[in-house]
Protein backbone atom coordinates (compact mmCIF):
# COMPACT_ATOMS: atom_id res chain seq x y z
CA MET A 1 -44.22 -16.84 10.06
CA PRO A 2 -41.87 -19.67 11.31
CA GLU A 3 -41.68 -20.82 7.54
CA THR A 4 -40.70 -17.34 6.44
CA ASN A 5 -37.83 -17.25 8.85
CA HIS A 6 -36.64 -20.59 7.89
CA GLU A 7 -36.54 -19.51 4.07
CA ILE A 8 -34.61 -16.50 5.01
CA THR A 9 -32.19 -18.56 6.90
CA LEU A 10 -31.78 -20.96 4.00
CA ASP A 11 -31.38 -17.96 1.57
CA SER A 12 -28.55 -16.52 3.82
CA ALA A 13 -26.83 -19.76 4.05
CA LEU A 14 -26.94 -20.25 0.15
CA THR A 15 -25.55 -16.77 -0.25
CA GLU A 16 -22.61 -17.24 2.01
CA GLU A 17 -21.86 -20.72 0.48
CA ALA A 18 -21.63 -19.08 -2.85
CA VAL A 19 -19.31 -16.50 -1.67
CA LEU A 20 -16.98 -19.13 -0.20
CA ALA A 21 -17.15 -21.23 -3.15
CA THR A 22 -15.82 -18.25 -5.24
CA TYR A 23 -12.89 -17.60 -2.80
CA ARG A 24 -12.14 -21.23 -2.95
CA ARG A 25 -11.81 -21.42 -6.74
CA MET A 26 -9.94 -18.13 -6.78
CA PHE A 27 -7.21 -19.29 -4.52
CA ALA A 28 -7.27 -22.92 -5.26
CA ALA A 29 -4.06 -22.64 -7.34
CA LEU A 30 -2.28 -21.38 -4.22
CA ALA A 31 -3.63 -24.00 -1.89
CA ARG A 32 -1.28 -26.85 -0.66
CA ASP A 33 -4.37 -28.55 0.80
CA SER A 34 -7.90 -27.78 1.86
CA GLY A 35 -6.60 -25.24 4.41
CA ALA A 36 -3.10 -24.01 3.67
CA VAL A 37 -1.07 -22.13 1.02
CA VAL A 38 1.63 -23.81 -1.15
CA ASP A 39 5.23 -23.60 -0.13
CA ASP A 40 6.58 -24.84 -3.52
CA PRO A 41 6.29 -22.67 -6.76
CA ALA A 42 6.19 -25.85 -8.76
CA LEU A 43 2.65 -26.57 -7.24
CA VAL A 44 1.57 -23.35 -8.87
CA ASP A 45 3.16 -24.10 -12.15
CA ILE A 46 1.25 -27.32 -12.25
CA ALA A 47 -2.15 -25.39 -11.78
CA GLU A 48 -1.09 -23.04 -14.69
CA THR A 49 -0.08 -25.99 -16.91
CA LEU A 50 -3.52 -27.61 -16.43
CA PHE A 51 -5.44 -24.40 -17.07
CA ALA A 52 -3.50 -23.85 -20.30
CA ALA A 53 -4.24 -27.33 -21.45
CA PHE A 54 -8.05 -26.93 -20.72
CA ALA A 55 -7.85 -23.61 -22.73
CA GLU A 56 -6.55 -25.52 -25.65
CA ALA A 57 -8.74 -28.53 -25.41
CA GLY A 58 -11.96 -26.31 -25.83
CA GLU A 59 -15.34 -28.24 -25.69
CA GLU A 60 -13.43 -31.59 -25.79
CA TRP A 61 -12.35 -31.09 -22.29
CA LEU A 62 -9.87 -33.31 -20.70
CA THR A 63 -9.86 -36.80 -18.98
CA HIS A 64 -7.57 -37.69 -16.23
CA GLU A 65 -5.13 -39.35 -18.48
CA GLN A 66 -4.95 -36.28 -20.70
CA MET A 67 -4.27 -33.98 -17.74
CA ARG A 68 -1.55 -36.35 -16.56
CA HIS A 69 -0.02 -36.31 -19.90
CA VAL A 70 0.31 -32.51 -20.18
CA CYS A 71 1.87 -32.52 -16.70
CA ARG A 72 4.22 -35.43 -17.36
CA ALA A 73 7.13 -33.19 -16.38
CA TYR A 74 6.12 -33.30 -12.69
CA PRO A 75 6.39 -36.20 -10.53
CA LEU A 76 3.22 -38.36 -10.21
CA ASP A 77 2.55 -38.03 -6.51
CA GLN A 78 2.86 -34.22 -6.93
CA PHE A 79 0.56 -34.14 -9.86
CA GLU A 80 -2.04 -36.34 -8.01
CA ASN A 81 -1.83 -34.15 -4.90
CA ARG A 82 -2.47 -30.96 -6.89
CA LEU A 83 -5.39 -32.46 -8.93
CA ARG A 84 -7.10 -33.60 -5.70
CA VAL A 85 -6.84 -30.10 -4.11
CA LEU A 86 -8.02 -28.33 -7.38
CA LYS A 87 -11.02 -30.80 -7.47
CA GLY A 88 -11.88 -30.40 -3.83
CA LEU A 89 -11.81 -26.67 -4.13
CA GLY A 90 -13.80 -26.56 -7.25
CA ALA A 91 -11.03 -25.30 -9.74
CA VAL A 92 -11.52 -28.44 -11.60
CA ARG A 93 -14.78 -30.00 -11.93
CA GLU A 94 -16.68 -32.66 -13.61
CA VAL A 95 -18.31 -31.56 -17.03
CA PHE A 96 -21.71 -32.88 -16.04
CA PRO A 97 -22.59 -33.95 -12.33
CA LYS A 98 -23.38 -37.68 -13.12
CA PRO A 99 -21.96 -41.07 -12.20
CA ASN A 100 -18.85 -42.42 -14.05
CA GLN A 101 -17.98 -38.95 -15.57
CA LEU A 102 -14.72 -39.14 -17.28
CA ARG A 103 -14.19 -35.57 -18.53
CA TYR A 104 -13.34 -32.37 -16.41
CA ARG A 105 -13.48 -28.73 -16.93
CA ALA A 106 -11.59 -25.72 -15.47
CA SER A 107 -13.34 -23.04 -13.33
CA PHE A 108 -13.12 -19.64 -15.13
CA THR A 109 -12.86 -17.92 -11.49
CA SER A 110 -9.81 -19.92 -10.82
CA VAL A 111 -7.98 -18.86 -13.99
CA VAL A 112 -8.78 -15.19 -13.40
CA GLY A 113 -7.75 -15.44 -9.86
CA LEU A 114 -4.32 -16.75 -10.77
CA MET A 115 -3.95 -13.97 -13.36
CA PHE A 116 -4.56 -11.49 -10.63
CA ILE A 117 -2.21 -13.10 -8.27
CA ARG A 118 0.54 -13.05 -11.06
CA ARG A 119 0.17 -9.49 -11.50
CA MET A 120 0.12 -8.90 -7.72
CA MET A 121 3.45 -10.78 -7.53
CA ASP A 122 4.91 -8.81 -10.47
CA ASP A 123 4.50 -5.17 -9.17
CA GLY A 124 2.76 -5.60 -5.79
CA GLY A 125 -0.52 -4.24 -6.72
CA GLN A 126 0.41 -1.34 -9.00
CA SER A 127 -1.42 -2.37 -12.01
CA GLU A 128 -4.42 -3.41 -10.07
CA MET A 129 -4.61 0.16 -8.32
CA HIS A 130 -4.35 1.70 -11.95
CA ARG A 131 -7.30 -0.49 -13.10
CA LEU A 132 -9.32 0.15 -10.02
CA LEU A 133 -8.78 4.03 -10.50
CA ALA A 134 -9.84 3.78 -14.22
CA LEU A 135 -12.89 1.76 -13.50
CA GLU A 136 -13.95 4.15 -10.61
CA ASP A 137 -13.29 7.20 -12.87
CA LEU A 138 -15.74 5.79 -15.38
CA ASN A 139 -18.27 4.83 -12.79
CA VAL A 140 -18.46 8.34 -11.09
CA ALA A 141 -18.71 10.03 -14.40
CA ASP A 142 -21.75 7.82 -15.35
CA PRO A 143 -24.97 9.77 -15.10
CA ARG A 144 -26.64 6.66 -13.63
CA THR A 145 -24.14 6.75 -10.70
CA THR A 146 -25.88 7.69 -7.29
CA MET A 147 -24.30 9.84 -4.54
CA GLU A 148 -24.36 6.96 -2.08
CA GLU A 149 -22.40 4.82 -4.68
CA ALA A 150 -19.81 7.66 -5.11
CA ARG A 151 -19.67 7.80 -1.22
CA VAL A 152 -18.74 4.11 -0.97
CA SER A 153 -16.15 4.40 -3.77
CA ALA A 154 -14.38 7.42 -2.19
CA GLN A 155 -14.53 5.54 1.23
CA ASN A 156 -12.96 2.52 -0.19
CA LEU A 157 -10.28 4.32 -2.04
CA SER A 158 -9.45 6.25 1.26
CA ARG A 159 -9.15 3.04 3.05
CA ALA A 160 -6.90 1.55 0.43
CA PHE A 161 -4.48 4.76 0.25
CA ARG A 162 -4.24 4.79 4.00
CA LEU A 163 -3.26 1.19 4.35
CA TRP A 164 -0.74 1.59 1.44
CA ALA A 165 0.70 4.67 3.08
CA LEU A 166 0.96 2.81 6.43
CA GLU A 167 2.73 -0.05 4.68
CA LEU A 168 5.35 2.34 3.11
CA ILE A 169 5.93 4.12 6.45
CA THR A 170 6.59 0.60 7.98
CA LEU A 171 9.07 -0.18 5.10
CA LEU A 172 10.87 3.19 5.94
CA ALA A 173 11.41 2.00 9.47
CA GLY A 174 12.60 -1.34 8.40
CA THR A 175 15.75 -2.72 6.82
CA ILE A 176 17.14 -1.59 3.34
CA GLU A 177 16.82 -5.09 2.11
CA GLU A 178 13.11 -5.31 2.88
CA LEU A 179 12.69 -1.99 1.11
CA ARG A 180 14.45 -3.13 -2.01
CA GLU A 181 12.28 -6.34 -2.02
CA GLN A 182 9.13 -4.14 -2.05
CA ALA A 183 10.57 -1.56 -4.65
CA PRO A 184 7.77 -2.40 -7.20
CA LYS A 185 5.41 -0.83 -4.91
CA LEU A 186 7.09 2.66 -5.56
CA TRP A 187 6.64 2.44 -9.33
CA GLY A 188 4.32 4.86 -10.96
CA THR A 189 3.35 6.52 -7.73
CA GLU A 190 2.92 9.94 -9.29
CA GLU A 191 0.67 8.67 -11.89
CA ILE A 192 -1.51 6.90 -9.33
CA ALA A 193 -1.72 9.95 -7.14
CA ARG A 194 -2.65 12.09 -10.22
CA ARG A 195 -5.44 9.77 -11.29
CA ALA A 196 -6.80 9.51 -7.75
CA GLN A 197 -6.85 13.43 -7.43
CA SER A 198 -8.58 13.65 -10.73
CA LEU A 199 -11.28 11.00 -9.38
CA HIS A 200 -11.57 13.12 -6.13
CA GLY A 201 -12.20 16.25 -8.30
CA THR A 202 -14.88 14.47 -10.30
CA ILE A 203 -16.83 13.25 -7.14
CA LEU A 204 -16.56 16.84 -5.50
CA THR A 205 -17.72 18.60 -8.54
CA ARG A 206 -20.69 16.18 -9.05
CA TRP A 207 -21.77 15.97 -5.35
CA PRO A 208 -20.60 18.80 -3.21
CA ASP A 209 -22.34 17.33 -0.32
CA LEU A 210 -19.62 14.67 -0.15
CA ASP A 211 -17.03 17.39 0.90
CA ARG A 212 -16.23 15.64 4.18
CA THR A 213 -15.75 12.20 2.41
CA CYS A 214 -13.63 13.99 -0.26
CA THR A 215 -11.49 15.54 2.48
CA GLU A 216 -10.73 12.14 3.87
CA LEU A 217 -9.83 10.87 0.42
CA ARG A 218 -7.55 13.88 -0.34
CA ALA A 219 -5.75 13.38 3.02
CA ALA A 220 -5.29 9.73 2.27
CA ILE A 221 -3.89 10.44 -1.20
CA TYR A 222 -1.39 13.01 0.22
CA ALA A 223 -0.25 10.74 3.01
CA TYR A 224 0.33 8.21 0.31
CA SER A 225 2.22 10.39 -1.89
CA ASP A 226 4.43 11.68 0.92
CA ALA A 227 5.24 8.07 2.17
CA SER A 228 6.09 6.89 -1.44
CA ARG A 229 8.34 10.04 -1.92
CA ARG A 230 10.37 9.30 1.42
CA ALA A 231 10.59 5.56 0.55
CA ALA A 232 12.05 6.20 -3.00
CA GLY A 233 14.45 8.74 -1.51
CA ARG A 234 15.70 6.34 0.90
CA LEU A 235 16.09 3.63 -1.76
CA ALA A 236 17.98 5.92 -3.95
CA ASP A 237 20.27 7.04 -1.22
CA SER A 238 21.00 3.33 -0.30
CA ALA A 239 22.05 2.64 -3.93
CA GLY A 240 25.15 5.01 -3.60
CA THR A 241 26.33 7.52 -6.32
CA THR A 242 25.77 5.19 -9.16
CA ARG A 243 22.00 4.89 -8.25
CA ASN A 244 22.29 1.27 -9.26
CA LEU A 245 19.50 -0.45 -7.37
CA THR A 246 20.89 -3.87 -8.36
CA LEU A 247 23.98 -3.41 -5.90
CA LEU A 248 23.23 -5.43 -2.78
CA PRO A 249 24.91 -5.13 0.55
CA ALA A 250 27.21 -7.85 1.81
CA GLU A 251 24.59 -9.17 4.21
CA THR A 252 22.37 -10.18 1.24
CA TRP A 253 25.17 -12.00 -0.46
CA ARG A 254 26.03 -13.79 2.88
CA THR A 255 22.58 -15.03 3.31
CA PHE A 256 22.35 -16.26 -0.28
CA ALA A 257 25.65 -18.13 0.20
CA GLN A 258 24.38 -19.79 3.54
CA THR A 259 20.89 -20.78 2.15
CA ALA A 260 21.22 -21.43 -1.67
CA GLY A 261 21.95 -25.01 -2.79
CA LYS A 262 25.03 -26.18 -4.84
CA GLU A 263 23.12 -25.65 -8.18
CA ARG A 264 22.27 -22.16 -7.43
CA LEU A 265 25.65 -21.23 -6.12
CA ALA A 266 27.29 -22.75 -9.42
CA ALA A 267 24.86 -20.86 -11.60
CA VAL A 268 26.07 -17.46 -10.07
CA LEU A 269 29.90 -18.39 -11.06
CA ASP A 270 28.88 -19.78 -14.42
CA GLY A 271 31.13 -18.37 -17.01
CA PHE A 272 34.00 -17.41 -14.74
CA VAL A 273 37.30 -19.04 -14.60
CA PHE A 274 39.44 -19.04 -11.32
CA ASP A 275 43.04 -20.02 -11.11
CA ALA A 276 43.60 -22.58 -8.41
CA PRO A 277 45.57 -21.26 -5.34
CA ALA A 278 49.09 -22.53 -4.99
CA PRO A 279 49.22 -25.81 -2.91
CA TRP A 280 51.54 -24.08 -0.33
CA HIS A 281 48.81 -21.57 0.68
CA ASP A 282 47.07 -22.36 3.93
CA PRO A 283 43.25 -22.10 3.56
CA ALA A 284 43.01 -20.09 6.73
CA ALA A 285 45.49 -17.65 5.45
CA ILE A 286 43.36 -17.21 2.29
CA VAL A 287 40.25 -16.65 4.32
CA ARG A 288 42.08 -14.17 6.71
CA ALA A 289 43.25 -12.18 3.60
CA VAL A 290 39.95 -11.96 2.09
CA ASP A 291 38.45 -10.72 5.37
CA GLU A 292 41.08 -8.07 5.80
CA SER A 293 40.90 -6.84 2.46
CA PRO A 294 39.88 -3.09 2.31
CA ARG A 295 36.51 -2.33 1.19
CA PRO A 296 35.08 0.93 0.12
CA ALA A 297 33.03 2.66 2.69
CA PRO A 298 29.65 3.77 1.53
CA ALA A 299 29.05 7.35 1.16
CA GLN A 300 27.03 8.72 4.12
CA PRO A 301 24.60 11.47 3.41
CA THR A 302 25.20 14.74 5.61
CA PRO A 303 22.27 15.04 7.99
CA PRO A 304 20.06 18.25 7.28
CA ARG A 305 20.81 21.26 9.50
CA SER A 306 18.59 24.12 10.17
CA ALA A 307 19.66 27.56 8.86
CA LEU A 308 18.00 29.22 11.84
CA PRO A 309 20.18 30.65 14.73
CA ASP A 310 20.32 28.25 17.65
CA SER A 311 20.53 30.17 21.00
CA GLY A 312 21.31 26.94 22.79
CA PRO A 313 19.43 25.06 25.52
CA ALA A 314 17.10 27.26 27.67
CA ASP A 315 15.36 26.57 30.97
CA THR A 316 12.34 24.55 30.60
CA TYR A 317 10.06 26.83 32.76
CA ASP A 318 11.11 30.05 31.11
CA ALA A 319 10.86 28.63 27.67
CA ALA A 320 7.19 27.47 28.50
CA THR A 321 6.35 30.78 29.99
CA GLY A 322 7.59 32.73 27.04
CA GLY A 323 5.79 30.43 24.55
CA LEU A 324 2.46 30.97 26.49
CA ASP A 325 3.01 34.79 26.49
CA HIS A 326 3.59 34.74 22.84
CA LEU A 327 0.50 32.65 22.19
CA ALA A 328 -1.75 34.92 24.29
CA ALA A 329 -0.32 38.09 22.66
CA VAL A 330 -1.24 36.57 19.10
CA ALA A 331 -4.65 35.41 20.24
CA GLU A 332 -5.51 38.88 21.81
CA ALA A 333 -4.33 40.73 18.73
CA ALA A 334 -6.48 38.54 16.70
CA LEU A 335 -9.51 39.01 18.87
CA GLY A 336 -8.95 42.76 18.99
CA GLY A 337 -10.91 43.09 22.20
CA ARG A 338 -13.69 40.82 21.31
CA SER A 339 -14.79 37.64 23.04
CA SER A 340 -14.83 35.63 19.81
CA ALA A 341 -14.03 36.06 16.12
CA PRO A 342 -14.56 33.93 12.88
CA VAL A 343 -11.38 32.14 11.88
CA GLU A 344 -12.06 32.90 8.23
CA GLU A 345 -12.00 36.70 8.96
CA LEU A 346 -8.62 36.34 10.90
CA LEU A 347 -7.00 34.47 8.06
CA ALA A 348 -8.24 36.88 5.48
CA ALA A 349 -6.78 39.80 7.44
CA GLY A 350 -3.37 38.05 7.44
CA GLY A 351 -3.14 38.82 3.73
CA GLU A 352 -0.87 36.23 1.97
CA TRP A 353 -1.32 32.38 2.77
CA VAL A 354 2.05 32.28 4.55
CA SER A 355 1.28 34.90 7.14
CA ALA A 356 -2.29 33.31 7.52
CA ARG A 357 -0.75 29.88 7.98
CA ARG A 358 1.67 31.11 10.69
CA LEU A 359 -1.43 32.82 12.38
CA LEU A 360 -3.38 29.70 12.31
CA ALA A 361 -0.47 27.63 13.70
CA ASP A 362 -0.15 29.99 16.68
CA LEU A 363 -4.05 29.73 17.23
CA VAL A 364 -4.07 26.03 17.22
CA ALA A 365 -1.11 26.00 19.49
CA ALA A 366 -2.95 28.29 21.95
CA ASP A 367 -5.98 25.96 21.67
CA LEU A 368 -4.03 22.88 22.61
CA ARG A 369 -2.67 24.55 25.62
CA PRO A 370 -4.76 23.76 28.63
CA ASP A 371 -3.51 26.83 30.60
CA ALA A 372 -4.34 29.20 27.92
CA PRO A 373 -7.80 30.80 27.88
CA TYR A 374 -8.45 30.51 24.18
CA ARG A 375 -10.31 27.76 22.26
CA LEU A 376 -11.14 27.15 18.43
CA ARG A 377 -14.56 25.86 17.93
CA TRP A 378 -14.80 24.34 14.50
CA SER A 379 -18.13 23.53 12.64
CA ASP A 380 -18.76 20.91 9.86
CA GLY A 381 -18.83 23.51 7.04
CA LEU A 382 -16.21 23.54 4.36
CA THR A 383 -15.76 26.34 1.69
CA ALA A 384 -14.17 25.38 -1.62
CA ASP A 385 -13.04 28.19 -3.72
CA PRO A 386 -10.36 27.32 -6.41
CA GLY A 387 -9.63 30.91 -7.12
CA ALA A 388 -9.05 31.90 -3.45
CA GLU A 389 -6.14 31.40 -1.08
CA PRO A 390 -6.51 29.11 0.76
CA ALA A 391 -8.72 27.26 -1.66
CA TRP A 392 -10.19 25.06 1.14
CA LEU A 393 -11.44 26.69 4.15
CA SER A 394 -13.10 25.16 7.31
CA HIS A 395 -15.38 27.45 9.37
CA GLY A 396 -14.62 28.04 13.05
CA ARG A 397 -14.35 30.75 15.69
CA LEU A 398 -11.67 31.77 18.02
CA GLU A 399 -13.18 32.22 21.53
CA ARG A 400 -11.88 33.64 24.79
CA THR A 401 -12.98 31.21 27.65
CA GLY A 402 -12.21 33.48 30.59
CA GLY A 403 -9.42 33.60 33.01
CA ASP A 404 -6.19 35.70 33.25
CA THR A 405 -4.50 36.53 29.98
């Protein structure tokens, strides 16, 4: 028995080490050393140059001298440091593990990891989400896929969409500059939501027992769609009437002028010719004239105003009492003298969905009031009927708990 436990421990250690080795090779191109990420884009360029050279070399592989030759445009110390890190993390390894090995090969995992990272840098994960949805759509349509595998797939997608929606909501509350930098995350959101809803429909059609999981997925998709539309609206409003997203505020240019080097500043004005100021102009006067020059004020959108009549501020106690009386009247009318009534029956009696939705809102408000003697008891059941209105219906009962009405 002790030997068996020892073997299980060794197997677990080997499995964990294999996972960690894969992670190391995936992100070796971004590592500055064995425990940190690069802070210079040129270091990533060295890794890409080496991987391209390994691909062209084929079965001949590369020696240390050949690797240095293809990276000759970079300083020697920078190249040696990158090669040491890539070797240490397994991105570049010896062809055969034997003494005095002179030829090296590149790890396939590292190349794929760098390709994935480049795509993430280009569009913030949009293309990866499209690929993930396409693969998941094929998986759930496969007859060999089990219900548990579909459940895990739906839960993973729900988690991804909720985190994505939270990130967009955070951008909405942040500065417009940060939102502009993350603008690629708003590209193709309608297509992503459409494909996700199609995947949701496939899962629910094949496995109706996954209705609760599909409800969470649908809520996450709607939250992502709403957050993306709001972020895109704010981004469009900030661009002005021209809707030109390349127009940057003065703060961005001021930050660029304070942080950029001489070469980057000169590149911005490359191709422009300026007349030198007259020698009798005081530099301070020129600066003051530029600061005092009129600047067009950006158009401020008018805040939305409700079309409903406003009776003005009311007394807090009277408003609360009137609200409770209204909710009690609605609940008593729905119960019709009974102590409890099914919610689906009340919604069906309301006729059109707009009236039923208003009734449901009042019943929920009465349920949330601790001083109201009415409660909604919901069950785990969920009825799906695409031809009905509403198409999704949760089962529950409205109950009178006792007390004065």
